Protein backbone atom coordinates (compact mmCIF):
# COMPACT_ATOMS: atom_id res chain seq x y z
CA MET A 1 0.00 0.00 0.00
CA LYS A 2 2.81 2.36 0.90
CA ILE A 3 4.41 1.77 -2.49
CA ILE A 4 1.06 2.41 -4.21
CA ARG A 5 0.51 5.65 -2.24
CA THR A 6 4.03 6.81 -3.11
CA PHE A 7 3.41 6.00 -6.77
CA LEU A 8 0.10 7.89 -6.76
CA CYS A 9 1.74 10.93 -5.13
CA LEU A 10 4.49 10.92 -7.72
CA PHE A 11 1.95 10.49 -10.51
CA VAL A 12 -0.20 13.42 -9.30
CA THR A 13 2.90 15.59 -8.94
CA PHE A 14 3.91 14.66 -12.46
CA LEU A 15 0.47 15.57 -13.82
CA PHE A 16 0.56 18.90 -11.94
CA LEU A 17 4.00 19.84 -13.27
CA THR A 18 3.06 18.76 -16.77
CA SER A 19 -0.07 20.87 -16.63
CA CYS A 20 1.92 23.88 -15.35
CA ASN A 21 4.48 23.48 -18.08
CA GLN A 22 1.72 23.15 -20.66
CA GLU A 23 0.04 26.28 -19.31
CA ASP A 24 3.35 28.17 -19.55
CA LYS A 25 3.78 27.02 -23.13
CA GLU A 26 0.36 28.39 -24.02
CA VAL A 27 1.44 31.94 -23.09
CA LYS A 28 3.00 33.56 -26.15
CA VAL A 29 5.51 36.21 -25.15
CA LEU A 30 6.45 38.74 -27.83
CA LYS A 31 9.73 40.59 -27.35
CA LEU A 32 9.44 44.32 -28.16
CA ALA A 33 12.30 46.87 -28.13
CA HIS A 34 12.47 50.62 -28.65
CA GLY A 35 14.86 53.52 -28.04
CA LEU A 36 12.86 55.87 -25.82
CA PRO A 37 13.05 56.18 -22.00
CA PRO A 38 10.39 54.69 -19.67
CA SER A 39 9.02 58.18 -18.91
CA HIS A 40 8.06 58.78 -22.55
CA SER A 41 4.41 58.56 -23.63
CA VAL A 42 5.38 56.03 -26.31
CA HIS A 43 6.74 53.62 -23.68
CA LEU A 44 3.65 54.15 -21.53
CA GLY A 45 1.52 53.50 -24.59
CA LEU A 46 3.34 50.22 -25.18
CA ILE A 47 2.78 49.20 -21.57
CA TYR A 48 -0.92 49.87 -22.13
CA LEU A 49 -0.77 47.79 -25.33
CA ASN A 50 0.61 44.91 -23.26
CA GLU A 51 -2.13 45.30 -20.65
CA GLN A 52 -4.81 45.25 -23.34
CA LEU A 53 -3.20 42.25 -25.05
CA GLU A 54 -3.16 40.25 -21.82
CA GLU A 55 -6.78 41.19 -21.12
CA LEU A 56 -8.07 40.43 -24.62
CA SER A 57 -6.20 37.12 -24.79
CA HIS A 58 -7.13 36.12 -21.22
CA GLY A 59 -3.45 35.87 -20.38
CA LYS A 60 -2.47 33.82 -23.42
CA MET A 61 -0.35 36.60 -24.98
CA LYS A 62 1.87 39.33 -23.57
CA LEU A 63 4.81 41.58 -24.40
CA ASP A 64 8.30 41.67 -22.95
CA ILE A 65 9.32 45.33 -23.42
CA TYR A 66 12.91 46.61 -23.62
CA ALA A 67 13.20 50.43 -23.53
CA SER A 68 16.03 52.96 -23.91
CA GLY A 69 17.80 51.26 -26.81
CA GLN A 70 18.75 48.18 -24.80
CA LEU A 71 18.63 46.00 -27.92
CA GLY A 72 20.08 48.52 -30.37
CA SER A 73 19.18 51.50 -32.53
CA GLU A 74 15.98 51.73 -34.56
CA SER A 75 17.71 50.50 -37.72
CA GLN A 76 19.26 47.61 -35.80
CA CYS A 77 15.87 46.66 -34.35
CA ILE A 78 14.35 46.64 -37.83
CA GLU A 79 17.12 44.33 -39.01
CA LEU A 80 16.52 42.05 -36.01
CA LEU A 81 12.84 41.89 -37.00
CA GLN A 82 13.74 40.94 -40.54
CA ILE A 83 15.76 37.91 -39.42
CA GLY A 84 13.20 36.96 -36.75
CA SER A 85 15.46 37.62 -33.74
CA LEU A 86 13.08 40.31 -32.40
CA ASP A 87 9.29 40.22 -32.55
CA MET A 88 8.22 43.86 -32.41
CA THR A 89 9.60 47.38 -32.26
CA LYS A 90 8.64 51.05 -32.32
CA VAL A 91 10.44 53.15 -34.91
CA SER A 92 10.08 56.60 -36.39
CA SER A 93 8.70 56.70 -39.92
CA ALA A 94 12.07 58.24 -40.87
CA SER A 95 13.83 55.00 -39.94
CA LEU A 96 11.61 53.12 -42.40
CA GLU A 97 12.51 55.34 -45.36
CA GLY A 98 15.54 53.21 -46.21
CA PHE A 99 13.37 50.09 -46.31
CA VAL A 100 10.04 51.22 -47.80
CA ASP A 101 9.72 54.24 -50.11
CA PRO A 102 6.15 55.39 -49.21
CA PHE A 103 7.31 56.31 -45.69
CA LYS A 104 9.42 59.07 -47.25
CA VAL A 105 6.32 61.25 -47.65
CA PHE A 106 6.21 61.84 -43.89
CA GLY A 107 9.60 63.56 -44.12
CA ILE A 108 8.49 66.07 -46.76
CA PRO A 109 8.21 69.45 -45.00
CA TYR A 110 4.69 70.86 -44.66
CA ILE A 111 3.08 67.95 -46.51
CA PHE A 112 0.43 68.14 -43.77
CA LYS A 113 -1.46 71.40 -43.47
CA SER A 114 -2.65 70.82 -39.91
CA ARG A 115 -2.85 68.22 -37.16
CA THR A 116 -6.37 67.37 -38.34
CA HIS A 117 -5.04 66.72 -41.84
CA TYR A 118 -2.20 64.59 -40.43
CA PHE A 119 -4.56 62.36 -38.42
CA SER A 120 -7.00 62.06 -41.32
CA VAL A 121 -4.19 60.65 -43.43
CA ILE A 122 -2.57 58.22 -40.99
CA ASP A 123 -5.90 56.97 -39.59
CA GLY A 124 -7.53 56.63 -43.00
CA SER A 125 -7.02 54.43 -46.04
CA ILE A 126 -3.78 56.17 -47.01
CA GLY A 127 -2.15 55.40 -43.67
CA GLN A 128 -3.29 51.78 -43.79
CA GLN A 129 -2.03 51.44 -47.36
CA ILE A 130 1.41 52.66 -46.30
CA LEU A 131 1.48 50.22 -43.36
CA THR A 132 0.92 47.23 -45.66
CA THR A 133 3.79 48.17 -48.00
CA THR A 134 6.28 46.82 -45.45
CA GLU A 135 5.34 43.14 -45.76
CA PRO A 136 7.72 42.28 -48.64
CA TYR A 137 10.55 43.46 -46.37
CA TRP A 138 9.68 40.93 -43.64
CA PHE A 139 7.86 43.15 -41.18
CA ARG A 140 4.30 44.39 -40.88
CA GLY A 141 2.95 47.74 -39.69
CA LEU A 142 0.32 47.50 -36.95
CA THR A 143 -0.48 51.11 -36.07
CA TYR A 144 0.80 54.67 -35.72
CA PHE A 145 1.66 56.39 -32.44
CA ASP A 146 1.67 60.18 -32.32
CA SER A 147 5.05 61.88 -32.44
CA GLY A 148 3.86 65.47 -32.80
CA ALA A 149 5.54 68.05 -35.00
CA ARG A 150 9.29 68.51 -35.32
CA SER A 151 10.86 71.96 -34.86
CA PHE A 152 14.37 73.39 -34.55
CA TYR A 153 16.27 73.90 -31.30
CA THR A 154 19.71 75.50 -31.16
CA ASN A 155 22.60 76.35 -28.86
CA ASN A 156 23.59 79.93 -29.58
CA LYS A 157 21.46 81.33 -32.39
CA PRO A 158 17.64 81.55 -32.55
CA ILE A 159 15.95 80.38 -35.75
CA ARG A 160 13.35 82.85 -36.99
CA THR A 161 13.70 82.36 -40.77
CA PRO A 162 15.33 79.72 -43.00
CA ALA A 163 18.21 82.17 -43.53
CA ASP A 164 19.13 81.75 -39.85
CA LEU A 165 20.01 78.11 -40.53
CA LYS A 166 22.70 78.98 -43.06
CA GLY A 167 26.04 77.57 -41.98
CA LEU A 168 24.64 75.81 -38.90
CA LYS A 169 25.29 72.12 -38.27
CA ILE A 170 21.89 70.66 -37.41
CA ARG A 171 21.48 67.10 -36.22
CA VAL A 172 18.91 65.18 -38.23
CA GLN A 173 17.79 61.56 -38.25
CA ARG A 174 19.66 59.16 -40.53
CA SER A 175 17.21 59.88 -43.30
CA PRO A 176 17.97 61.03 -46.88
CA ILE A 177 14.76 63.10 -46.79
CA ALA A 178 15.82 64.90 -43.59
CA VAL A 179 19.22 65.63 -45.14
CA GLU A 180 17.56 67.03 -48.26
CA MET A 181 15.20 69.13 -46.12
CA MET A 182 18.14 70.75 -44.29
CA ARG A 183 19.87 71.44 -47.60
CA THR A 184 16.64 73.06 -48.82
CA PHE A 185 16.51 75.28 -45.75
CA GLY A 186 20.20 76.22 -46.08
CA GLY A 187 21.55 74.35 -43.06
CA SER A 188 24.16 71.60 -42.87
CA ALA A 189 22.59 68.22 -42.01
CA THR A 190 24.67 66.31 -39.47
CA PRO A 191 23.42 62.79 -38.63
CA VAL A 192 24.25 61.91 -35.02
CA ASP A 193 22.99 58.91 -33.05
CA TRP A 194 20.27 59.93 -30.61
CA GLY A 195 22.18 58.62 -27.60
CA GLU A 196 25.19 60.81 -28.49
CA LEU A 197 23.27 64.01 -29.21
CA TYR A 198 23.35 65.49 -25.68
CA THR A 199 27.15 65.46 -25.69
CA ALA A 200 27.26 66.73 -29.28
CA LEU A 201 25.09 69.71 -28.32
CA GLN A 202 27.02 70.35 -25.12
CA SER A 203 30.38 70.36 -26.91
CA ASN A 204 29.09 72.30 -29.95
CA VAL A 205 29.85 69.44 -32.31
CA VAL A 206 26.43 70.39 -33.67
CA ASP A 207 24.76 73.81 -33.42
CA GLY A 208 21.30 72.38 -32.93
CA ALA A 209 18.81 69.68 -33.80
CA GLU A 210 15.15 69.21 -34.69
CA ASN A 211 12.56 67.20 -32.81
CA ASN A 212 9.35 67.31 -30.77
CA THR A 213 9.17 68.71 -27.24
CA PRO A 214 8.79 65.42 -25.27
CA SER A 215 11.85 63.96 -26.97
CA ILE A 216 13.85 67.09 -26.13
CA THR A 217 12.98 67.07 -22.43
CA THR A 218 13.11 63.31 -21.79
CA ALA A 219 16.62 63.35 -23.29
CA PHE A 220 17.46 66.49 -21.23
CA HIS A 221 18.51 68.47 -24.30
CA HIS A 222 16.80 71.54 -22.82
CA GLU A 223 19.67 71.60 -20.33
CA VAL A 224 22.14 72.56 -23.07
CA ALA A 225 20.10 74.15 -25.89
CA LYS A 226 18.98 77.77 -25.48
CA TYR A 227 16.39 78.33 -28.21
CA PHE A 228 13.36 76.43 -29.47
CA SER A 229 11.73 77.65 -32.70
CA VAL A 230 8.23 76.26 -33.21
CA ASN A 231 8.22 76.14 -37.01
CA GLU A 232 6.76 72.58 -37.11
CA HIS A 233 8.30 71.57 -40.44
CA THR A 234 7.39 67.87 -40.35
CA MET A 235 5.03 65.44 -38.64
CA CYS A 236 6.69 62.02 -38.64
CA PRO A 237 4.61 59.40 -36.78
CA ASP A 238 6.05 56.56 -34.77
CA VAL A 239 5.17 53.15 -36.17
CA ILE A 240 4.62 49.87 -34.31
CA ILE A 241 5.85 47.00 -36.46
CA ILE A 242 6.03 43.22 -36.06
CA SER A 243 8.31 40.68 -37.68
CA MET A 244 6.61 38.66 -40.42
CA ALA A 245 8.38 35.60 -39.00
CA ARG A 246 6.40 36.09 -35.78
CA TRP A 247 3.18 37.26 -37.50
CA ASN A 248 3.09 34.14 -39.66
CA LYS A 249 3.26 31.96 -36.52
CA LEU A 250 0.20 33.63 -34.96
CA ASN A 251 -3.24 32.20 -35.64
CA GLU A 252 -6.14 34.41 -36.71
CA GLN A 253 -7.42 34.86 -33.16
CA GLU A 254 -3.99 35.88 -31.89
CA ARG A 255 -3.56 38.35 -34.75
CA THR A 256 -6.96 39.86 -33.92
CA TRP A 257 -6.05 40.25 -30.24
CA LEU A 258 -2.76 41.93 -31.11
CA GLN A 259 -4.30 44.32 -33.65
CA GLN A 260 -7.13 45.24 -31.29
CA ALA A 261 -4.65 45.91 -28.48
CA ALA A 262 -2.55 48.07 -30.83
CA ASP A 263 -5.63 50.06 -31.90
CA LYS A 264 -6.58 50.70 -28.27
CA ALA A 265 -3.01 51.69 -27.41
CA ARG A 266 -2.92 54.16 -30.32
CA ILE A 267 -5.83 56.12 -28.82
CA TYR A 268 -4.40 55.96 -25.30
CA GLN A 269 -0.88 57.04 -26.34
CA ARG A 270 -2.20 60.05 -28.22
CA GLN A 271 -4.01 61.24 -25.11
CA LEU A 272 -0.78 60.89 -23.13
CA TRP A 273 1.15 62.64 -25.88
CA GLU A 274 -1.07 65.71 -25.80
CA VAL A 275 -0.51 66.09 -22.05
CA GLN A 276 3.23 65.37 -22.23
CA GLU A 277 3.73 67.82 -25.10
CA LYS A 278 2.35 70.68 -22.98
CA GLN A 279 4.29 69.59 -19.90
CA SER A 280 7.52 69.42 -21.91
CA LEU A 281 7.05 72.93 -23.27
CA ASP A 282 6.54 74.19 -19.71
CA GLU A 283 9.72 72.38 -18.62
CA MET A 284 11.67 74.06 -21.43
CA ILE A 285 10.42 77.48 -20.37
CA GLU A 286 11.21 76.79 -16.71
CA ARG A 287 14.72 75.75 -17.71
CA GLY A 288 15.20 79.13 -19.39
CA MET A 289 14.88 78.19 -23.06
CA GLU A 290 13.58 80.97 -25.25
CA ILE A 291 10.50 79.80 -27.15
CA ILE A 292 10.14 81.40 -30.57
CA TYR A 293 7.06 81.23 -32.81
CA PRO A 294 8.38 82.23 -36.24
CA ASP A 295 6.25 82.98 -39.27
CA LYS A 296 5.96 79.57 -40.98
CA GLN A 297 5.36 80.98 -44.45
CA PRO A 298 9.06 81.59 -45.30
CA PHE A 299 9.80 77.97 -44.30
CA ILE A 300 6.89 76.75 -46.43
CA GLU A 301 8.12 78.79 -49.40
CA ALA A 302 11.68 77.53 -48.96
CA SER A 303 10.46 73.92 -49.00
CA ARG A 304 8.36 74.24 -52.19
CA PRO A 305 11.11 73.03 -54.57
CA MET A 306 11.44 69.86 -52.50
CA ILE A 307 7.68 69.31 -52.48
CA GLU A 308 7.48 69.87 -56.24
CA ARG A 309 10.31 67.41 -56.86
CA PHE A 310 8.39 64.67 -55.09
CA LYS A 311 5.12 65.59 -56.79
CA ASN A 312 6.82 65.19 -60.17
CA ASP A 313 8.28 61.81 -59.18
CA PRO A 314 6.00 59.00 -60.51
CA ALA A 315 6.82 56.92 -57.42
CA PHE A 316 5.22 59.54 -55.13
CA SER A 317 2.90 61.72 -57.23
CA GLU A 318 -0.23 59.59 -56.76
CA LEU A 319 0.34 59.25 -53.00
CA ILE A 320 0.91 62.99 -52.57
CA ASP A 321 -2.21 63.74 -54.62
CA LYS A 322 -4.24 61.54 -52.27
CA ILE A 323 -2.78 63.32 -49.23
CA GLU A 324 -3.64 66.73 -50.69
CA GLN A 325 -7.15 65.56 -51.61
CA THR A 326 -7.67 64.47 -48.00
CA HIS A 327 -6.97 68.05 -46.90
CA GLU A 328 -9.50 69.36 -49.39
CA LYS A 329 -12.14 66.94 -48.08
CA ASP A 330 -11.42 68.01 -44.48
CA ASN A 331 -12.16 71.57 -45.50
């Protein structure tokens, strides 16, 4: 009897451990990396995405999130997605320009006439069409997070007109469109890795940069830059993408859960962004930065040759026409 009882105990323990292991195997964990700090609205939006995913899937799916560039730069994360070593990432649309041409339109200065126009495009059929163009490159776009408008900030010289940029070394993203934009405005485009920009500003390796207010304050660039010129030349959204290697392994139900969670997170992150954008501007003022609101028209005029070049390019003309037609419908 004692032998039988011992056997039964061992058998029950085995069944329990097997069931636990099976339960663990049923939880699909997707590894997601991005370059922003945990205080940023994008990171908080991704945490919310994870919460929604766990809730929708009843605990069967979740994210493992790595912030602050722990797994590499945006370009490196995209490459990791392509070979299936990373499941998901958040990247700027500028980082996708080298992979998928349609994302270049976001870098064209003043392509969007207003925030309303911008959201109408990225939330409508045009935005969805652009997201799907990534699939041949082994990753898939899920949704757009808000990244506001990009403006110039500088060390020693305020920017009030495009002429003020002449001769200045301005850090831009590693994007051919951003480089062309700076050339159009008369400045000297200087690509610098985001993690090295604080030191580059502090040591005057660059004279300034261009970005949105939350990115400036969460990276503490307002500690070294003196002027912020709100010319709002581009609106480049952040994009949540997933490796096709991982996407192809998900069943239809899992794909639905993930997309629904991403859609919910998009709305939540934009609410956070609006609050953080205002808070960041207040922080910049408190730190002593001079906030300048230049007349945008000279910047718009200076960028017209660049806009016309893209409109005359068969690869972009139809897409730009659709974007402009969306503005006309909004009005």
